[in-house]
PDB file of N, CA and C in Angstrom:
ATOM      1  N   MET A   1       3.589 -16.187  39.638  1.00  0.00           N
ATOM      2  CA  MET A   1       4.729 -15.809  38.834  1.00  0.00           C
ATOM      3  C   MET A   1       4.541 -16.230  37.370  1.00  0.00           C
ATOM      4  N   ILE A   2       4.015 -17.442  37.170  1.00  0.00           N
ATOM      5  CA  ILE A   2       3.797 -17.931  35.809  1.00  0.00           C
ATOM      6  C   ILE A   2       2.750 -17.085  35.099  1.00  0.00           C
ATOM      7  N   SER A   3       1.699 -16.706  35.818  1.00  0.00           N
ATOM      8  CA  SER A   3       0.660 -15.886  35.186  1.00  0.00           C
ATOM      9  C   SER A   3       1.210 -14.517  34.784  1.00  0.00           C
ATOM     10  N   MET A   4       2.093 -13.946  35.585  1.00  0.00           N
ATOM     11  CA  MET A   4       2.702 -12.668  35.234  1.00  0.00           C
ATOM     12  C   MET A   4       3.578 -12.813  33.988  1.00  0.00           C
ATOM     13  N   MET A   5       4.277 -13.918  33.858  1.00  0.00           N
ATOM     14  CA  MET A   5       5.115 -14.154  32.683  1.00  0.00           C
ATOM     15  C   MET A   5       4.253 -14.341  31.432  1.00  0.00           C
ATOM     16  N   LEU A   6       3.115 -15.032  31.587  1.00  0.00           N
ATOM     17  CA  LEU A   6       2.202 -15.207  30.461  1.00  0.00           C
ATOM     18  C   LEU A   6       1.607 -13.878  30.017  1.00  0.00           C
ATOM     19  N   ILE A   7       1.229 -13.051  30.964  1.00  0.00           N
ATOM     20  CA  ILE A   7       0.680 -11.741  30.632  1.00  0.00           C
ATOM     21  C   ILE A   7       1.735 -10.892  29.932  1.00  0.00           C
ATOM     22  N   ALA A   8       2.956 -10.919  30.432  1.00  0.00           N
ATOM     23  CA  ALA A   8       4.039 -10.147  29.812  1.00  0.00           C
ATOM     24  C   ALA A   8       4.320 -10.653  28.397  1.00  0.00           C
ATOM     25  N   ALA A   9       4.271 -11.960  28.197  1.00  0.00           N
ATOM     26  CA  ALA A   9       4.495 -12.528  26.863  1.00  0.00           C
ATOM     27  C   ALA A   9       3.376 -12.124  25.905  1.00  0.00           C
ATOM     28  N   MET A  10       2.135 -12.127  26.389  1.00  0.00           N
ATOM     29  CA  MET A  10       1.012 -11.728  25.544  1.00  0.00           C
ATOM     30  C   MET A  10       1.107 -10.245  25.167  1.00  0.00           C
ATOM     31  N   VAL A  11       1.469  -9.420  26.110  1.00  0.00           N
ATOM     32  CA  VAL A  11       1.615  -7.986  25.838  1.00  0.00           C
ATOM     33  C   VAL A  11       2.740  -7.768  24.830  1.00  0.00           C
ATOM     34  N   ALA A  12       3.844  -8.478  24.996  1.00  0.00           N
ATOM     35  CA  ALA A  12       4.962  -8.355  24.054  1.00  0.00           C
ATOM     36  C   ALA A  12       4.544  -8.808  22.659  1.00  0.00           C
ATOM     37  N   PHE A  13       3.775  -9.878  22.557  1.00  0.00           N
ATOM     38  CA  PHE A  13       3.312 -10.373  21.259  1.00  0.00           C
ATOM     39  C   PHE A  13       2.398  -9.364  20.584  1.00  0.00           C
ATOM     40  N   VAL A  14       1.476  -8.786  21.326  1.00  0.00           N
ATOM     41  CA  VAL A  14       0.557  -7.788  20.766  1.00  0.00           C
ATOM     42  C   VAL A  14       1.335  -6.556  20.314  1.00  0.00           C
ATOM     43  N   CYS A  15       2.294  -6.115  21.096  1.00  0.00           N
ATOM     44  CA  CYS A  15       3.105  -4.952  20.703  1.00  0.00           C
ATOM     45  C   CYS A  15       3.915  -5.253  19.447  1.00  0.00           C
ATOM     46  N   ALA A  16       4.485  -6.449  19.349  1.00  0.00           N
ATOM     47  CA  ALA A  16       5.246  -6.822  18.153  1.00  0.00           C
ATOM     48  C   ALA A  16       4.343  -6.856  16.925  1.00  0.00           C
ATOM     49  N   CYS A  17       3.132  -7.376  17.066  1.00  0.00           N
ATOM     50  CA  CYS A  17       2.182  -7.394  15.945  1.00  0.00           C
ATOM     51  C   CYS A  17       1.823  -5.983  15.514  1.00  0.00           C
ATOM     52  N   LEU A  18       1.554  -5.108  16.465  1.00  0.00           N
ATOM     53  CA  LEU A  18       1.196  -3.731  16.135  1.00  0.00           C
ATOM     54  C   LEU A  18       2.336  -3.018  15.416  1.00  0.00           C
ATOM     55  N   LEU A  19       3.550  -3.214  15.888  1.00  0.00           N
ATOM     56  CA  LEU A  19       4.692  -2.587  15.217  1.00  0.00           C
ATOM     57  C   LEU A  19       4.861  -3.116  13.795  1.00  0.00           C
ATOM     58  N   ALA A  20       4.698  -4.409  13.601  1.00  0.00           N
ATOM     59  CA  ALA A  20       4.804  -4.991  12.261  1.00  0.00           C
ATOM     60  C   ALA A  20       3.688  -4.461  11.359  1.00  0.00           C
ATOM     61  N   TRP A  21       2.494  -4.313  11.889  1.00  0.00           N
ATOM     62  CA  TRP A  21       1.380  -3.804  11.090  1.00  0.00           C
ATOM     63  C   TRP A  21       1.581  -2.338  10.712  1.00  0.00           C
ATOM     64  N   PHE A  22       2.173  -1.552  11.598  1.00  0.00           N
ATOM     65  CA  PHE A  22       2.489  -0.173  11.236  1.00  0.00           C
ATOM     66  C   PHE A  22       3.477  -0.142  10.077  1.00  0.00           C
ATOM     67  N   GLY A  23       4.406  -1.079  10.057  1.00  0.00           N
ATOM     68  CA  GLY A  23       5.324  -1.200   8.934  1.00  0.00           C
ATOM     69  C   GLY A  23       4.595  -1.559   7.651  1.00  0.00           C
ATOM     70  N   CYS A  24       3.598  -2.426   7.738  1.00  0.00           N
ATOM     71  CA  CYS A  24       2.795  -2.797   6.564  1.00  0.00           C
ATOM     72  C   CYS A  24       1.988  -1.607   6.056  1.00  0.00           C
ATOM     73  N   ILE A  25       1.472  -0.812   6.968  1.00  0.00           N
ATOM     74  CA  ILE A  25       0.728   0.392   6.573  1.00  0.00           C
ATOM     75  C   ILE A  25       1.653   1.349   5.827  1.00  0.00           C
ATOM     76  N   HIS A  26       2.851   1.535   6.351  1.00  0.00           N
ATOM     77  CA  HIS A  26       3.820   2.408   5.682  1.00  0.00           C
ATOM     78  C   HIS A  26       4.181   1.854   4.299  1.00  0.00           C
ATOM     79  N   GLN A  27       4.352   0.558   4.208  1.00  0.00           N
ATOM     80  CA  GLN A  27       4.676  -0.075   2.919  1.00  0.00           C
ATOM     81  C   GLN A  27       3.546   0.122   1.916  1.00  0.00           C
ATOM     82  N   ALA A  28       2.287  -0.004   2.366  1.00  0.00           N
ATOM     83  CA  ALA A  28       1.139   0.203   1.471  1.00  0.00           C
ATOM     84  C   ALA A  28       1.089   1.646   0.985  1.00  0.00           C
ATOM     85  N   ARG A  29       1.346   2.593   1.877  1.00  0.00           N
ATOM     86  CA  ARG A  29       1.339   4.008   1.482  1.00  0.00           C
ATOM     87  C   ARG A  29       2.435   4.299   0.466  1.00  0.00           C
ATOM     88  N   ALA A  30       3.627   3.798   0.744  1.00  0.00           N
ATOM     89  CA  ALA A  30       4.754   4.050  -0.164  1.00  0.00           C
ATOM     90  C   ALA A  30       4.509   3.413  -1.522  1.00  0.00           C
ATOM     91  N   ALA A  31       4.004   2.189  -1.536  1.00  0.00           N
ATOM     92  CA  ALA A  31       3.740   1.504  -2.806  1.00  0.00           C
ATOM     93  C   ALA A  31       2.656   2.225  -3.598  1.00  0.00           C
ATOM     94  N   ALA A  32       1.620   2.714  -2.923  1.00  0.00           N
ATOM     95  CA  ALA A  32       0.548   3.437  -3.614  1.00  0.00           C
ATOM     96  C   ALA A  32       1.061   4.763  -4.168  1.00  0.00           C
ATOM     97  N   ASP A  33       1.874   5.471  -3.396  1.00  0.00           N
ATOM     98  CA  ASP A  33       2.440   6.735  -3.877  1.00  0.00           C
ATOM     99  C   ASP A  33       3.323   6.506  -5.104  1.00  0.00           C
ATOM    100  N   LEU A  34       4.203   5.512  -5.016  1.00  0.00           N
ATOM    101  CA  LEU A  34       5.097   5.235  -6.142  1.00  0.00           C
ATOM    102  C   LEU A  34       4.330   4.747  -7.366  1.00  0.00           C
ATOM    103  N   ALA A  35       3.269   3.969  -7.148  1.00  0.00           N
ATOM    104  CA  ALA A  35       2.459   3.500  -8.276  1.00  0.00           C
ATOM    105  C   ALA A  35       1.758   4.668  -8.957  1.00  0.00           C
ATOM    106  N   ALA A  36       1.230   5.602  -8.182  1.00  0.00           N
ATOM    107  CA  ALA A  36       0.558   6.770  -8.768  1.00  0.00           C
ATOM    108  C   ALA A  36       1.547   7.629  -9.544  1.00  0.00           C
ATOM    109  N   ILE A  37       2.731   7.818  -8.992  1.00  0.00           N
ATOM    110  CA  ILE A  37       3.748   8.615  -9.681  1.00  0.00           C
ATOM    111  C   ILE A  37       4.187   7.923 -10.967  1.00  0.00           C
ATOM    112  N   ALA A  38       4.388   6.617 -10.912  1.00  0.00           N
ATOM    113  CA  ALA A  38       4.789   5.875 -12.119  1.00  0.00           C
ATOM    114  C   ALA A  38       3.694   5.926 -13.173  1.00  0.00           C
ATOM    115  N   GLY A  39       2.448   5.816 -12.741  1.00  0.00           N
ATOM    116  CA  GLY A  39       1.335   5.911 -13.684  1.00  0.00           C
ATOM    117  C   GLY A  39       1.240   7.283 -14.318  1.00  0.00           C
ATOM    118  N   ALA A  40       1.423   8.331 -13.521  1.00  0.00           N
ATOM    119  CA  ALA A  40       1.377   9.697 -14.053  1.00  0.00           C
ATOM    120  C   ALA A  40       2.529   9.941 -15.020  1.00  0.00           C
ATOM    121  N   ASP A  41       3.700   9.426 -14.698  1.00  0.00           N
ATOM    122  CA  ASP A  41       4.846   9.585 -15.594  1.00  0.00           C
ATOM    123  C   ASP A  41       4.616   8.856 -16.915  1.00  0.00           C
ATOM    124  N   ALA A  42       4.071   7.642 -16.820  1.00  0.00           N
ATOM    125  CA  ALA A  42       3.792   6.878 -18.047  1.00  0.00           C
ATOM    126  C   ALA A  42       2.747   7.594 -18.905  1.00  0.00           C
ATOM    127  N   LEU A  43       1.694   8.106 -18.266  1.00  0.00           N
ATOM    128  CA  LEU A  43       0.648   8.817 -19.008  1.00  0.00           C
ATOM    129  C   LEU A  43       1.202  10.086 -19.656  1.00  0.00           C
ATOM    130  N   ASN A  44       2.065  10.770 -18.949  1.00  0.00           N
ATOM    131  CA  ASN A  44       2.687  11.986 -19.474  1.00  0.00           C
ATOM    132  C   ASN A  44       3.579  11.673 -20.682  1.00  0.00           C
ATOM    133  N   SER A  45       4.135  10.451 -20.709  1.00  0.00           N
ATOM    134  CA  SER A  45       5.002  10.029 -21.813  1.00  0.00           C
ATOM    135  C   SER A  45       4.224   9.343 -22.929  1.00  0.00           C
ATOM    136  N   GLY A  46       2.914   9.234 -22.778  1.00  0.00           N
ATOM    137  CA  GLY A  46       2.085   8.600 -23.796  1.00  0.00           C
ATOM    138  C   GLY A  46       1.897   7.116 -23.605  1.00  0.00           C
ATOM    139  N   GLY A  47       2.270   6.582 -22.454  1.00  0.00           N
ATOM    140  CA  GLY A  47       2.145   5.148 -22.191  1.00  0.00           C
ATOM    141  C   GLY A  47       0.885   4.806 -21.427  1.00  0.00           C
ATOM    142  N   ASP A  48       0.795   3.542 -21.016  1.00  0.00           N
ATOM    143  CA  ASP A  48      -0.352   3.030 -20.260  1.00  0.00           C
ATOM    144  C   ASP A  48      -0.123   3.266 -18.770  1.00  0.00           C
ATOM    145  N   ALA A  49      -0.903   4.155 -18.193  1.00  0.00           N
ATOM    146  CA  ALA A  49      -0.728   4.543 -16.796  1.00  0.00           C
ATOM    147  C   ALA A  49      -0.950   3.380 -15.844  1.00  0.00           C
ATOM    148  N   CYS A  50      -2.003   2.617 -16.067  1.00  0.00           N
ATOM    149  CA  CYS A  50      -2.339   1.545 -15.133  1.00  0.00           C
ATOM    150  C   CYS A  50      -1.345   0.387 -15.202  1.00  0.00           C
ATOM    151  N   ALA A  51      -0.812   0.114 -16.382  1.00  0.00           N
ATOM    152  CA  ALA A  51       0.215  -0.931 -16.499  1.00  0.00           C
ATOM    153  C   ALA A  51       1.475  -0.528 -15.751  1.00  0.00           C
ATOM    154  N   ALA A  52       1.868   0.726 -15.901  1.00  0.00           N
ATOM    155  CA  ALA A  52       3.054   1.218 -15.195  1.00  0.00           C
ATOM    156  C   ALA A  52       2.822   1.240 -13.687  1.00  0.00           C
ATOM    157  N   ALA A  53       1.611   1.615 -13.280  1.00  0.00           N
ATOM    158  CA  ALA A  53       1.289   1.638 -11.851  1.00  0.00           C
ATOM    159  C   ALA A  53       1.312   0.236 -11.267  1.00  0.00           C
ATOM    160  N   GLY A  54       0.780  -0.731 -12.000  1.00  0.00           N
ATOM    161  CA  GLY A  54       0.788  -2.113 -11.527  1.00  0.00           C
ATOM    162  C   GLY A  54       2.191  -2.652 -11.390  1.00  0.00           C
ATOM    163  N   GLU A  55       3.052  -2.323 -12.336  1.00  0.00           N
ATOM    164  CA  GLU A  55       4.440  -2.779 -12.269  1.00  0.00           C
ATOM    165  C   GLU A  55       5.159  -2.149 -11.079  1.00  0.00           C
ATOM    166  N   ALA A  56       4.929  -0.863 -10.856  1.00  0.00           N
ATOM    167  CA  ALA A  56       5.559  -0.184  -9.723  1.00  0.00           C
ATOM    168  C   ALA A  56       5.056  -0.740  -8.397  1.00  0.00           C
ATOM    169  N   ALA A  57       3.763  -1.017  -8.310  1.00  0.00           N
ATOM    170  CA  ALA A  57       3.212  -1.577  -7.074  1.00  0.00           C
ATOM    171  C   ALA A  57       3.815  -2.941  -6.788  1.00  0.00           C
ATOM    172  N   SER A  58       3.938  -3.762  -7.823  1.00  0.00           N
ATOM    173  CA  SER A  58       4.471  -5.100  -7.615  1.00  0.00           C
ATOM    174  C   SER A  58       5.949  -5.072  -7.250  1.00  0.00           C
ATOM    175  N   LYS A  59       6.707  -4.122  -7.809  1.00  0.00           N
ATOM    176  CA  LYS A  59       8.117  -3.986  -7.439  1.00  0.00           C
ATOM    177  C   LYS A  59       8.287  -3.541  -5.989  1.00  0.00           C
ATOM    178  N   ASN A  60       7.249  -2.933  -5.442  1.00  0.00           N
ATOM    179  CA  ASN A  60       7.291  -2.469  -4.059  1.00  0.00           C
ATOM    180  C   ASN A  60       6.471  -3.360  -3.132  1.00  0.00           C
ATOM    181  N   HIS A  61       6.327  -4.610  -3.502  1.00  0.00           N
ATOM    182  CA  HIS A  61       5.680  -5.652  -2.695  1.00  0.00           C
ATOM    183  C   HIS A  61       4.217  -5.358  -2.397  1.00  0.00           C
ATOM    184  N   GLY A  62       3.531  -4.756  -3.366  1.00  0.00           N
ATOM    185  CA  GLY A  62       2.104  -4.493  -3.231  1.00  0.00           C
ATOM    186  C   GLY A  62       1.358  -5.030  -4.431  1.00  0.00           C
ATOM    187  N   THR A  63       0.055  -4.978  -4.357  1.00  0.00           N
ATOM    188  CA  THR A  63      -0.808  -5.406  -5.450  1.00  0.00           C
ATOM    189  C   THR A  63      -1.727  -4.253  -5.812  1.00  0.00           C
ATOM    190  N   LEU A  64      -1.702  -3.861  -7.077  1.00  0.00           N
ATOM    191  CA  LEU A  64      -2.585  -2.795  -7.543  1.00  0.00           C
ATOM    192  C   LEU A  64      -4.003  -3.338  -7.590  1.00  0.00           C
ATOM    193  N   THR A  65      -4.903  -2.748  -6.808  1.00  0.00           N
ATOM    194  CA  THR A  65      -6.284  -3.223  -6.772  1.00  0.00           C
ATOM    195  C   THR A  65      -7.234  -2.301  -7.526  1.00  0.00           C
ATOM    196  N   ALA A  66      -6.817  -1.062  -7.769  1.00  0.00           N
ATOM    197  CA  ALA A  66      -7.650  -0.131  -8.533  1.00  0.00           C
ATOM    198  C   ALA A  66      -6.764   0.919  -9.175  1.00  0.00           C
ATOM    199  N   CYS A  67      -7.139   1.298 -10.382  1.00  0.00           N
ATOM    200  CA  CYS A  67      -6.414   2.343 -11.102  1.00  0.00           C
ATOM    201  C   CYS A  67      -7.445   3.121 -11.918  1.00  0.00           C
ATOM    202  N   HIS A  68      -7.436   4.433 -11.757  1.00  0.00           N
ATOM    203  CA  HIS A  68      -8.393   5.272 -12.468  1.00  0.00           C
ATOM    204  C   HIS A  68      -7.670   6.512 -12.980  1.00  0.00           C
ATOM    205  N   VAL A  69      -7.900   6.839 -14.233  1.00  0.00           N
ATOM    206  CA  VAL A  69      -7.276   8.005 -14.844  1.00  0.00           C
ATOM    207  C   VAL A  69      -8.362   9.017 -15.185  1.00  0.00           C
ATOM    208  N   ASP A  70      -8.222  10.231 -14.656  1.00  0.00           N
ATOM    209  CA  ASP A  70      -9.090  11.356 -15.017  1.00  0.00           C
ATOM    210  C   ASP A  70      -8.266  12.286 -15.890  1.00  0.00           C
ATOM    211  N   SER A  71      -8.743  12.518 -17.112  1.00  0.00           N
ATOM    212  CA  SER A  71      -7.979  13.357 -18.026  1.00  0.00           C
ATOM    213  C   SER A  71      -8.918  14.176 -18.896  1.00  0.00           C
ATOM    214  N   ASN A  72      -8.532  15.412 -19.143  1.00  0.00           N
ATOM    215  CA  ASN A  72      -9.282  16.240 -20.081  1.00  0.00           C
ATOM    216  C   ASN A  72      -8.430  16.575 -21.300  1.00  0.00           C
ATOM    217  N   GLY A  73      -7.373  15.823 -21.507  1.00  0.00           N
ATOM    218  CA  GLY A  73      -6.496  16.040 -22.643  1.00  0.00           C
ATOM    219  C   GLY A  73      -5.268  16.855 -22.299  1.00  0.00           C
ATOM    220  N   ILE A  74      -5.391  17.773 -21.352  1.00  0.00           N
ATOM    221  CA  ILE A  74      -4.252  18.607 -20.958  1.00  0.00           C
ATOM    222  C   ILE A  74      -3.831  18.284 -19.531  1.00  0.00           C
ATOM    223  N   GLN A  75      -4.806  18.235 -18.644  1.00  0.00           N
ATOM    224  CA  GLN A  75      -4.530  17.929 -17.251  1.00  0.00           C
ATOM    225  C   GLN A  75      -5.016  16.512 -16.942  1.00  0.00           C
ATOM    226  N   PHE A  76      -4.313  15.846 -16.027  1.00  0.00           N
ATOM    227  CA  PHE A  76      -4.714  14.482 -15.685  1.00  0.00           C
ATOM    228  C   PHE A  76      -4.360  14.165 -14.236  1.00  0.00           C
ATOM    229  N   VAL A  77      -5.061  13.190 -13.699  1.00  0.00           N
ATOM    230  CA  VAL A  77      -4.789  12.646 -12.375  1.00  0.00           C
ATOM    231  C   VAL A  77      -4.886  11.134 -12.479  1.00  0.00           C
ATOM    232  N   VAL A  78      -3.893  10.446 -11.934  1.00  0.00           N
ATOM    233  CA  VAL A  78      -3.905   8.988 -11.854  1.00  0.00           C
ATOM    234  C   VAL A  78      -4.144   8.632 -10.397  1.00  0.00           C
ATOM    235  N   ARG A  79      -5.204   7.874 -10.122  1.00  0.00           N
ATOM    236  CA  ARG A  79      -5.563   7.476  -8.766  1.00  0.00           C
ATOM    237  C   ARG A  79      -5.369   5.973  -8.647  1.00  0.00           C
ATOM    238  N   THR A  80      -4.528   5.549  -7.701  1.00  0.00           N
ATOM    239  CA  THR A  80      -4.238   4.119  -7.537  1.00  0.00           C
ATOM    240  C   THR A  80      -4.565   3.681  -6.117  1.00  0.00           C
ATOM    241  N   THR A  81      -4.969   2.432  -5.995  1.00  0.00           N
ATOM    242  CA  THR A  81      -5.142   1.802  -4.694  1.00  0.00           C
ATOM    243  C   THR A  81      -4.275   0.557  -4.685  1.00  0.00           C
ATOM    244  N   VAL A  82      -3.447   0.444  -3.658  1.00  0.00           N
ATOM    245  CA  VAL A  82      -2.512  -0.676  -3.543  1.00  0.00           C
ATOM    246  C   VAL A  82      -2.789  -1.413  -2.244  1.00  0.00           C
ATOM    247  N   MET A  83      -2.728  -2.744  -2.314  1.00  0.00           N
ATOM    248  CA  MET A  83      -2.953  -3.600  -1.158  1.00  0.00           C
ATOM    249  C   MET A  83      -1.654  -4.324  -0.813  1.00  0.00           C
ATOM    250  N   VAL A  84      -1.355  -4.414   0.482  1.00  0.00           N
ATOM    251  CA  VAL A  84      -0.190  -5.134   0.982  1.00  0.00           C
ATOM    252  C   VAL A  84      -0.687  -6.141   2.013  1.00  0.00           C
ATOM    253  N   ASP A  85      -0.215  -7.384   1.910  1.00  0.00           N
ATOM    254  CA  ASP A  85      -0.607  -8.407   2.871  1.00  0.00           C
ATOM    255  C   ASP A  85      -0.066  -8.080   4.259  1.00  0.00           C
ATOM    256  N   ALA A  86      -0.860  -8.365   5.265  1.00  0.00           N
ATOM    257  CA  ALA A  86      -0.450  -8.140   6.642  1.00  0.00           C
ATOM    258  C   ALA A  86       0.518  -9.235   7.075  1.00  0.00           C
ATOM    259  N   ALA A  87       1.521  -8.838   7.820  1.00  0.00           N
ATOM    260  CA  ALA A  87       2.456  -9.799   8.384  1.00  0.00           C
ATOM    261  C   ALA A  87       2.780  -9.325   9.796  1.00  0.00           C
ATOM    262  N   PRO A  88       2.599 -10.101  10.804  1.00  0.00           N
ATOM    263  CA  PRO A  88       2.140 -11.489  10.787  1.00  0.00           C
ATOM    264  C   PRO A  88       0.619 -11.564  10.686  1.00  0.00           C
ATOM    265  N   ARG A  89       0.178 -12.685  10.181  1.00  0.00           N
ATOM    266  CA  ARG A  89      -1.269 -12.932  10.129  1.00  0.00           C
ATOM    267  C   ARG A  89      -1.669 -13.701  11.378  1.00  0.00           C
ATOM    268  N   VAL A  90      -2.581 -13.120  12.101  1.00  0.00           N
ATOM    269  CA  VAL A  90      -3.108 -13.758  13.303  1.00  0.00           C
ATOM    270  C   VAL A  90      -4.630 -13.738  13.223  1.00  0.00           C
ATOM    271  N   VAL A  91      -5.250 -14.554  14.025  1.00  0.00           N
ATOM    272  CA  VAL A  91      -6.704 -14.729  13.968  1.00  0.00           C
ATOM    273  C   VAL A  91      -7.437 -13.411  14.202  1.00  0.00           C
ATOM    274  N   PHE A  92      -6.983 -12.621  15.146  1.00  0.00           N
ATOM    275  CA  PHE A  92      -7.703 -11.398  15.498  1.00  0.00           C
ATOM    276  C   PHE A  92      -7.266 -10.187  14.692  1.00  0.00           C
ATOM    277  N   GLY A  93      -6.311 -10.347  13.790  1.00  0.00           N
ATOM    278  CA  GLY A  93      -5.760  -9.201  13.073  1.00  0.00           C
ATOM    279  C   GLY A  93      -6.257  -9.075  11.647  1.00  0.00           C
ATOM    280  N   PRO A  94      -5.811  -8.030  10.981  1.00  0.00           N
ATOM    281  CA  PRO A  94      -6.215  -7.786   9.593  1.00  0.00           C
ATOM    282  C   PRO A  94      -5.503  -8.730   8.628  1.00  0.00           C
ATOM    283  N   ASP A  95      -6.108  -8.924   7.455  1.00  0.00           N
ATOM    284  CA  ASP A  95      -5.497  -9.751   6.412  1.00  0.00           C
ATOM    285  C   ASP A  95      -4.598  -8.923   5.504  1.00  0.00           C
ATOM    286  N   HIS A  96      -4.958  -7.657   5.295  1.00  0.00           N
ATOM    287  CA  HIS A  96      -4.183  -6.801   4.415  1.00  0.00           C
ATOM    288  C   HIS A  96      -4.421  -5.333   4.776  1.00  0.00           C
ATOM    289  N   PHE A  97      -3.574  -4.482   4.217  1.00  0.00           N
ATOM    290  CA  PHE A  97      -3.709  -3.049   4.365  1.00  0.00           C
ATOM    291  C   PHE A  97      -3.733  -2.437   2.974  1.00  0.00           C
ATOM    292  N   SER A  98      -4.512  -1.403   2.773  1.00  0.00           N
ATOM    293  CA  SER A  98      -4.544  -0.751   1.460  1.00  0.00           C
ATOM    294  C   SER A  98      -4.485   0.758   1.643  1.00  0.00           C
ATOM    295  N   HIS A  99      -4.037   1.397   0.580  1.00  0.00           N
ATOM    296  CA  HIS A  99      -3.936   2.859   0.585  1.00  0.00           C
ATOM    297  C   HIS A  99      -4.187   3.374  -0.827  1.00  0.00           C
ATOM    298  N   THR A 100      -4.785   4.536  -0.929  1.00  0.00           N
ATOM    299  CA  THR A 100      -5.070   5.161  -2.218  1.00  0.00           C
ATOM    300  C   THR A 100      -4.248   6.442  -2.329  1.00  0.00           C
ATOM    301  N   SER A 101      -3.617   6.616  -3.482  1.00  0.00           N
ATOM    302  CA  SER A 101      -2.830   7.817  -3.759  1.00  0.00           C
ATOM    303  C   SER A 101      -3.168   8.348  -5.135  1.00  0.00           C
ATOM    304  N   GLU A 102      -2.865   9.597  -5.347  1.00  0.00           N
ATOM    305  CA  GLU A 102      -3.064  10.166  -6.675  1.00  0.00           C
ATOM    306  C   GLU A 102      -1.902  11.067  -7.036  1.00  0.00           C
ATOM    307  N   ALA A 103      -1.633  11.133  -8.327  1.00  0.00           N
ATOM    308  CA  ALA A 103      -0.569  11.982  -8.861  1.00  0.00           C
ATOM    309  C   ALA A 103      -1.006  12.475 -10.233  1.00  0.00           C
ATOM    310  N   GLY A 104      -0.490  13.581 -10.655  1.00  0.00           N
ATOM    311  CA  GLY A 104      -0.834  14.117 -11.964  1.00  0.00           C
ATOM    312  C   GLY A 104      -0.216  15.470 -12.192  1.00  0.00           C
ATOM    313  N   ASN A 105      -0.693  16.157 -13.178  1.00  0.00           N
ATOM    314  CA  ASN A 105      -0.130  17.466 -13.498  1.00  0.00           C
ATOM    315  C   ASN A 105      -1.114  18.607 -13.264  1.00  0.00           C
ATOM    316  N   ILE A 106      -2.042  18.416 -12.351  1.00  0.00           N
ATOM    317  CA  ILE A 106      -3.012  19.479 -12.059  1.00  0.00           C
ATOM    318  C   ILE A 106      -2.434  20.401 -11.002  1.00  0.00           C
TER     319      ILE A 106
END
């Protein structure tokens, strides 16, 4: 009986970790999308795309790890990569999740 309870507890813990990590993945995607959009908006307004992207990522609980602007003077694309720390952190799990998004006027 005790072994069955331990197995059930372990399965519940793994399922809870997986659900939390899916939430972290969604958070990384949303933060990267919003950072790319903020960067594209700033660039369109004549501002610094990467600074705006970094601020947007940080407001959405992420860290901007890469920002690249492709522009030919008329058309542009802002490509951002945002990292979000994994929660909960366990020995066998990931430390962080990242996602890359792009936005622009192409």
